[in-house]
C-alpha atoms as a PDB file:
ATOM      1  CA  MET A   1       0.000   0.000   0.000  1.00  0.00           C
ATOM      2  CA  GLU A   2       1.412   3.378  -1.019  1.00  0.00           C
ATOM      3  CA  LEU A   3       1.666   6.310   1.424  1.00  0.00           C
ATOM      4  CA  ARG A   4      -1.139   8.203  -0.346  1.00  0.00           C
ATOM      5  CA  ASP A   5      -3.430   5.178   0.060  1.00  0.00           C
ATOM      6  CA  ARG A   6      -2.546   4.970   3.745  1.00  0.00           C
ATOM      7  CA  ILE A   7      -3.256   8.677   4.236  1.00  0.00           C
ATOM      8  CA  ASP A   8      -6.635   8.350   2.503  1.00  0.00           C
ATOM      9  CA  PHE A   9      -7.522   5.296   4.615  1.00  0.00           C
ATOM     10  CA  LEU A  10      -6.551   7.069   7.846  1.00  0.00           C
ATOM     11  CA  CYS A  11      -8.534  10.191   6.900  1.00  0.00           C
ATOM     12  CA  LYS A  12     -11.661   8.150   6.154  1.00  0.00           C
ATOM     13  CA  THR A  13     -11.255   6.321   9.451  1.00  0.00           C
ATOM     14  CA  ILE A  14     -10.760   9.541  11.420  1.00  0.00           C
ATOM     15  CA  LEU A  15     -13.707  11.248   9.720  1.00  0.00           C
ATOM     16  CA  ALA A  16     -15.910   8.237  10.587  1.00  0.00           C
ATOM     17  CA  ILE A  17     -15.228   8.639  14.321  1.00  0.00           C
ATOM     18  CA  LYS A  18     -18.089  10.471  15.981  1.00  0.00           C
ATOM     19  CA  THR A  19     -16.978  12.501  18.985  1.00  0.00           C
ATOM     20  CA  ALA A  20     -18.474  15.453  20.813  1.00  0.00           C
ATOM     21  CA  GLY A  21     -15.045  16.770  21.724  1.00  0.00           C
ATOM     22  CA  ARG A  22     -11.489  16.557  20.644  1.00  0.00           C
ATOM     23  CA  LEU A  23      -9.849  13.552  19.128  1.00  0.00           C
ATOM     24  CA  VAL A  24      -6.215  12.893  19.978  1.00  0.00           C
ATOM     25  CA  LEU A  25      -4.222  10.867  17.499  1.00  0.00           C
ATOM     26  CA  GLY A  26      -0.814   9.438  18.343  1.00  0.00           C
ATOM     27  CA  ILE A  27       1.729   8.112  15.879  1.00  0.00           C
ATOM     28  CA  ASP A  28       4.457   5.852  17.204  1.00  0.00           C
ATOM     29  CA  GLY A  29       7.375   4.157  15.534  1.00  0.00           C
ATOM     30  CA  LEU A  30      11.105   3.749  15.237  1.00  0.00           C
ATOM     31  CA  SER A  31      13.442   6.647  14.553  1.00  0.00           C
ATOM     32  CA  ARG A  32      13.457   7.709  10.907  1.00  0.00           C
ATOM     33  CA  SER A  33      10.466   5.486  10.100  1.00  0.00           C
ATOM     34  CA  GLY A  34       8.408   8.314   8.575  1.00  0.00           C
ATOM     35  CA  LYS A  35       6.278   9.433  11.544  1.00  0.00           C
ATOM     36  CA  THR A  36       6.715  13.135  10.856  1.00  0.00           C
ATOM     37  CA  THR A  37       6.126  12.696   7.131  1.00  0.00           C
ATOM     38  CA  LEU A  38       2.950  10.742   7.859  1.00  0.00           C
ATOM     39  CA  ALA A  39       1.766  13.297  10.427  1.00  0.00           C
ATOM     40  CA  ASN A  40       2.421  16.253   8.110  1.00  0.00           C
ATOM     41  CA  GLN A  41       0.623  14.698   5.154  1.00  0.00           C
ATOM     42  CA  LEU A  42      -2.241  13.456   7.319  1.00  0.00           C
ATOM     43  CA  SER A  43      -2.769  16.867   8.912  1.00  0.00           C
ATOM     44  CA  GLN A  44      -2.666  18.575   5.508  1.00  0.00           C
ATOM     45  CA  THR A  45      -5.248  16.159   4.096  1.00  0.00           C
ATOM     46  CA  LEU A  46      -7.516  16.544   7.147  1.00  0.00           C
ATOM     47  CA  ARG A  47      -7.332  20.350   6.859  1.00  0.00           C
ATOM     48  CA  GLU A  48      -8.333  20.030   3.195  1.00  0.00           C
ATOM     49  CA  GLN A  49     -11.365  18.036   4.412  1.00  0.00           C
ATOM     50  CA  GLY A  50     -12.340  20.898   6.754  1.00  0.00           C
ATOM     51  CA  ILE A  51     -11.021  19.386   9.973  1.00  0.00           C
ATOM     52  CA  SER A  52      -9.313  21.964  12.153  1.00  0.00           C
ATOM     53  CA  MET A  53      -6.045  20.885  13.686  1.00  0.00           C
ATOM     54  CA  ASN A  54      -4.873  22.260  17.022  1.00  0.00           C
ATOM     55  CA  GLY A  55      -1.267  21.444  16.380  1.00  0.00           C
ATOM     56  CA  LEU A  56       1.347  18.931  15.487  1.00  0.00           C
ATOM     57  CA  HIS A  57       3.706  18.101  18.317  1.00  0.00           C
ATOM     58  CA  SER A  58       6.735  15.910  18.207  1.00  0.00           C
END
């Protein structure tokens, strides 16, 4: 599965979660495994879908 496919899958999954408040998403993995790249692309895609992001912390 390509990164773009993974991002799309994650966005659909996140958008399907019904919550009255905030949703906290954590990304864990080994050093240099692509966590920041994934987080940046995921947050960009979610913003494009109209989801406001409080911040990206590492």
